[in-house]
Amino acid sequence: MRSFHINSFGGPDSLIIKESEIPKPGRGEVLVRVRASSLNFRDLPI
């Protein structure tokens, strides 16, 4: 699974990609596949 993490403040250049195993859902949980998501203008300052 690929996930994007904020390494430090500074806009899109601070995003890094990490690879990890697909999590296993526990009892009473659901695993949802997200094919795409976006960043809004307000997300970038974070």
PDB file of N, CA and C in Angstrom:
ATOM      1  N   MET A   1       0.848  -1.156   0.000  1.00  0.00           N
ATOM      2  CA  MET A   1       0.000   0.000   0.000  1.00  0.00           C
ATOM      3  C   MET A   1       0.901   1.228   0.000  1.00  0.00           C
ATOM      4  N   ARG A   2       0.565   2.175  -0.822  1.00  0.00           N
ATOM      5  CA  ARG A   2       1.285   3.446  -0.856  1.00  0.00           C
ATOM      6  C   ARG A   2       0.502   4.474  -0.063  1.00  0.00           C
ATOM      7  N   SER A   3       1.204   5.260   0.734  1.00  0.00           N
ATOM      8  CA  SER A   3       0.559   6.342   1.466  1.00  0.00           C
ATOM      9  C   SER A   3       1.473   7.562   1.442  1.00  0.00           C
ATOM     10  N   PHE A   4       0.869   8.708   1.476  1.00  0.00           N
ATOM     11  CA  PHE A   4       1.606   9.960   1.451  1.00  0.00           C
ATOM     12  C   PHE A   4       1.609  10.549   2.847  1.00  0.00           C
ATOM     13  N   HIS A   5       2.763  11.045   3.273  1.00  0.00           N
ATOM     14  CA  HIS A   5       2.921  11.611   4.605  1.00  0.00           C
ATOM     15  C   HIS A   5       3.553  12.985   4.487  1.00  0.00           C
ATOM     16  N   ILE A   6       3.171  13.867   5.405  1.00  0.00           N
ATOM     17  CA  ILE A   6       3.767  15.199   5.450  1.00  0.00           C
ATOM     18  C   ILE A   6       5.048  15.103   6.264  1.00  0.00           C
ATOM     19  N   ASN A   7       6.171  15.375   5.622  1.00  0.00           N
ATOM     20  CA  ASN A   7       7.473  15.295   6.264  1.00  0.00           C
ATOM     21  C   ASN A   7       7.743  16.542   7.103  1.00  0.00           C
ATOM     22  N   SER A   8       7.356  17.701   6.591  1.00  0.00           N
ATOM     23  CA  SER A   8       7.538  18.969   7.300  1.00  0.00           C
ATOM     24  C   SER A   8       6.610  19.987   6.658  1.00  0.00           C
ATOM     25  N   PHE A   9       6.490  21.143   7.241  1.00  0.00           N
ATOM     26  CA  PHE A   9       5.667  22.193   6.650  1.00  0.00           C
ATOM     27  C   PHE A   9       6.350  22.713   5.400  1.00  0.00           C
ATOM     28  N   GLY A  10       5.559  23.063   4.395  1.00  0.00           N
ATOM     29  CA  GLY A  10       6.185  23.624   3.209  1.00  0.00           C
ATOM     30  C   GLY A  10       5.470  23.303   1.916  1.00  0.00           C
ATOM     31  N   GLY A  11       4.235  22.877   1.957  1.00  0.00           N
ATOM     32  CA  GLY A  11       3.480  22.642   0.740  1.00  0.00           C
ATOM     33  C   GLY A  11       3.706  21.268   0.171  1.00  0.00           C
ATOM     34  N   PRO A  12       3.390  21.094  -1.108  1.00  0.00           N
ATOM     35  CA  PRO A  12       3.446  19.765  -1.724  1.00  0.00           C
ATOM     36  C   PRO A  12       4.848  19.156  -1.779  1.00  0.00           C
ATOM     37  N   ASP A  13       5.865  19.986  -1.715  1.00  0.00           N
ATOM     38  CA  ASP A  13       7.237  19.465  -1.753  1.00  0.00           C
ATOM     39  C   ASP A  13       7.601  18.691  -0.490  1.00  0.00           C
ATOM     40  N   SER A  14       6.825  18.870   0.574  1.00  0.00           N
ATOM     41  CA  SER A  14       7.133  18.192   1.831  1.00  0.00           C
ATOM     42  C   SER A  14       6.460  16.821   1.936  1.00  0.00           C
ATOM     43  N   LEU A  15       5.655  16.436   0.933  1.00  0.00           N
ATOM     44  CA  LEU A  15       5.013  15.129   0.950  1.00  0.00           C
ATOM     45  C   LEU A  15       6.000  14.038   0.572  1.00  0.00           C
ATOM     46  N   ILE A  16       5.969  12.927   1.308  1.00  0.00           N
ATOM     47  CA  ILE A  16       6.797  11.779   0.961  1.00  0.00           C
ATOM     48  C   ILE A  16       5.896  10.550   0.818  1.00  0.00           C
ATOM     49  N   ILE A  17       6.306   9.604  -0.004  1.00  0.00           N
ATOM     50  CA  ILE A  17       5.551   8.380  -0.235  1.00  0.00           C
ATOM     51  C   ILE A  17       6.166   7.268   0.606  1.00  0.00           C
ATOM     52  N   LYS A  18       5.306   6.529   1.314  1.00  0.00           N
ATOM     53  CA  LYS A  18       5.764   5.392   2.110  1.00  0.00           C
ATOM     54  C   LYS A  18       5.025   4.144   1.648  1.00  0.00           C
ATOM     55  N   GLU A  19       5.725   3.034   1.613  1.00  0.00           N
ATOM     56  CA  GLU A  19       5.129   1.732   1.281  1.00  0.00           C
ATOM     57  C   GLU A  19       4.921   0.959   2.576  1.00  0.00           C
ATOM     58  N   SER A  20       3.773   0.322   2.699  1.00  0.00           N
ATOM     59  CA  SER A  20       3.491  -0.497   3.879  1.00  0.00           C
ATOM     60  C   SER A  20       2.540  -1.621   3.494  1.00  0.00           C
ATOM     61  N   GLU A  21       2.375  -2.569   4.392  1.00  0.00           N
ATOM     62  CA  GLU A  21       1.468  -3.677   4.136  1.00  0.00           C
ATOM     63  C   GLU A  21       0.019  -3.209   4.239  1.00  0.00           C
ATOM     64  N   ILE A  22      -0.863  -3.896   3.526  1.00  0.00           N
ATOM     65  CA  ILE A  22      -2.280  -3.582   3.607  1.00  0.00           C
ATOM     66  C   ILE A  22      -2.781  -4.027   4.973  1.00  0.00           C
ATOM     67  N   PRO A  23      -3.421  -3.127   5.726  1.00  0.00           N
ATOM     68  CA  PRO A  23      -3.872  -3.497   7.067  1.00  0.00           C
ATOM     69  C   PRO A  23      -4.991  -4.533   7.027  1.00  0.00           C
ATOM     70  N   LYS A  24      -5.048  -5.361   8.040  1.00  0.00           N
ATOM     71  CA  LYS A  24      -6.106  -6.362   8.173  1.00  0.00           C
ATOM     72  C   LYS A  24      -7.192  -5.799   9.082  1.00  0.00           C
ATOM     73  N   PRO A  25      -8.434  -5.752   8.614  1.00  0.00           N
ATOM     74  CA  PRO A  25      -9.500  -5.230   9.472  1.00  0.00           C
ATOM     75  C   PRO A  25      -9.777  -6.161  10.651  1.00  0.00           C
ATOM     76  N   GLY A  26     -10.037  -5.572  11.784  1.00  0.00           N
ATOM     77  CA  GLY A  26     -10.369  -6.340  12.977  1.00  0.00           C
ATOM     78  C   GLY A  26     -11.868  -6.580  13.069  1.00  0.00           C
ATOM     79  N   ARG A  27     -12.268  -7.187  14.145  1.00  0.00           N
ATOM     80  CA  ARG A  27     -13.682  -7.484  14.360  1.00  0.00           C
ATOM     81  C   ARG A  27     -14.473  -6.174  14.433  1.00  0.00           C
ATOM     82  N   GLY A  28     -15.541  -6.082  13.644  1.00  0.00           N
ATOM     83  CA  GLY A  28     -16.372  -4.888  13.627  1.00  0.00           C
ATOM     84  C   GLY A  28     -15.805  -3.754  12.796  1.00  0.00           C
ATOM     85  N   GLU A  29     -14.728  -4.003  12.040  1.00  0.00           N
ATOM     86  CA  GLU A  29     -14.111  -2.982  11.194  1.00  0.00           C
ATOM     87  C   GLU A  29     -14.295  -3.340   9.727  1.00  0.00           C
ATOM     88  N   VAL A  30     -14.118  -2.341   8.860  1.00  0.00           N
ATOM     89  CA  VAL A  30     -14.239  -2.520   7.416  1.00  0.00           C
ATOM     90  C   VAL A  30     -13.016  -1.903   6.764  1.00  0.00           C
ATOM     91  N   LEU A  31     -12.453  -2.581   5.779  1.00  0.00           N
ATOM     92  CA  LEU A  31     -11.333  -2.052   5.009  1.00  0.00           C
ATOM     93  C   LEU A  31     -11.886  -1.438   3.730  1.00  0.00           C
ATOM     94  N   VAL A  32     -11.580  -0.169   3.482  1.00  0.00           N
ATOM     95  CA  VAL A  32     -12.107   0.560   2.324  1.00  0.00           C
ATOM     96  C   VAL A  32     -10.948   0.906   1.398  1.00  0.00           C
ATOM     97  N   ARG A  33     -11.085   0.574   0.124  1.00  0.00           N
ATOM     98  CA  ARG A  33     -10.054   0.917  -0.859  1.00  0.00           C
ATOM     99  C   ARG A  33     -10.311   2.329  -1.370  1.00  0.00           C
ATOM    100  N   VAL A  34      -9.280   3.154  -1.324  1.00  0.00           N
ATOM    101  CA  VAL A  34      -9.349   4.512  -1.862  1.00  0.00           C
ATOM    102  C   VAL A  34      -8.459   4.534  -3.085  1.00  0.00           C
ATOM    103  N   ARG A  35      -9.050   4.789  -4.223  1.00  0.00           N
ATOM    104  CA  ARG A  35      -8.276   4.801  -5.471  1.00  0.00           C
ATOM    105  C   ARG A  35      -7.605   6.145  -5.723  1.00  0.00           C
ATOM    106  N   ALA A  36      -8.227   7.213  -5.250  1.00  0.00           N
ATOM    107  CA  ALA A  36      -7.657   8.545  -5.462  1.00  0.00           C
ATOM    108  C   ALA A  36      -8.218   9.502  -4.420  1.00  0.00           C
ATOM    109  N   SER A  37      -7.462  10.498  -4.126  1.00  0.00           N
ATOM    110  CA  SER A  37      -7.941  11.594  -3.291  1.00  0.00           C
ATOM    111  C   SER A  37      -7.231  12.851  -3.768  1.00  0.00           C
ATOM    112  N   SER A  38      -7.665  13.976  -3.283  1.00  0.00           N
ATOM    113  CA  SER A  38      -7.066  15.228  -3.749  1.00  0.00           C
ATOM    114  C   SER A  38      -6.715  16.118  -2.571  1.00  0.00           C
ATOM    115  N   LEU A  39      -5.880  17.086  -2.841  1.00  0.00           N
ATOM    116  CA  LEU A  39      -5.551  18.107  -1.857  1.00  0.00           C
ATOM    117  C   LEU A  39      -6.239  19.393  -2.265  1.00  0.00           C
ATOM    118  N   ASN A  40      -6.885  20.033  -1.328  1.00  0.00           N
ATOM    119  CA  ASN A  40      -7.497  21.315  -1.567  1.00  0.00           C
ATOM    120  C   ASN A  40      -6.503  22.428  -1.265  1.00  0.00           C
ATOM    121  N   PHE A  41      -6.832  23.626  -1.679  1.00  0.00           N
ATOM    122  CA  PHE A  41      -5.958  24.768  -1.404  1.00  0.00           C
ATOM    123  C   PHE A  41      -5.685  24.895   0.083  1.00  0.00           C
ATOM    124  N   ARG A  42      -6.694  24.682   0.921  1.00  0.00           N
ATOM    125  CA  ARG A  42      -6.523  24.814   2.369  1.00  0.00           C
ATOM    126  C   ARG A  42      -5.689  23.676   2.956  1.00  0.00           C
ATOM    127  N   ASP A  43      -5.599  22.550   2.271  1.00  0.00           N
ATOM    128  CA  ASP A  43      -4.766  21.440   2.752  1.00  0.00           C
ATOM    129  C   ASP A  43      -3.287  21.740   2.590  1.00  0.00           C
ATOM    130  N   LEU A  44      -2.918  22.501   1.589  1.00  0.00           N
ATOM    131  CA  LEU A  44      -1.512  22.746   1.287  1.00  0.00           C
ATOM    132  C   LEU A  44      -0.759  23.468   2.404  1.00  0.00           C
ATOM    133  N   PRO A  45      -1.348  24.460   3.089  1.00  0.00           N
ATOM    134  CA  PRO A  45      -0.591  25.106   4.178  1.00  0.00           C
ATOM    135  C   PRO A  45      -0.273  24.171   5.333  1.00  0.00           C
ATOM    136  N   ILE A  46      -1.039  23.102   5.500  1.00  0.00           N
ATOM    137  CA  ILE A  46      -0.787  22.165   6.587  1.00  0.00           C
ATOM    138  C   ILE A  46       0.495  21.431   6.297  1.00  0.00           C
TER     139      ILE A  46
END
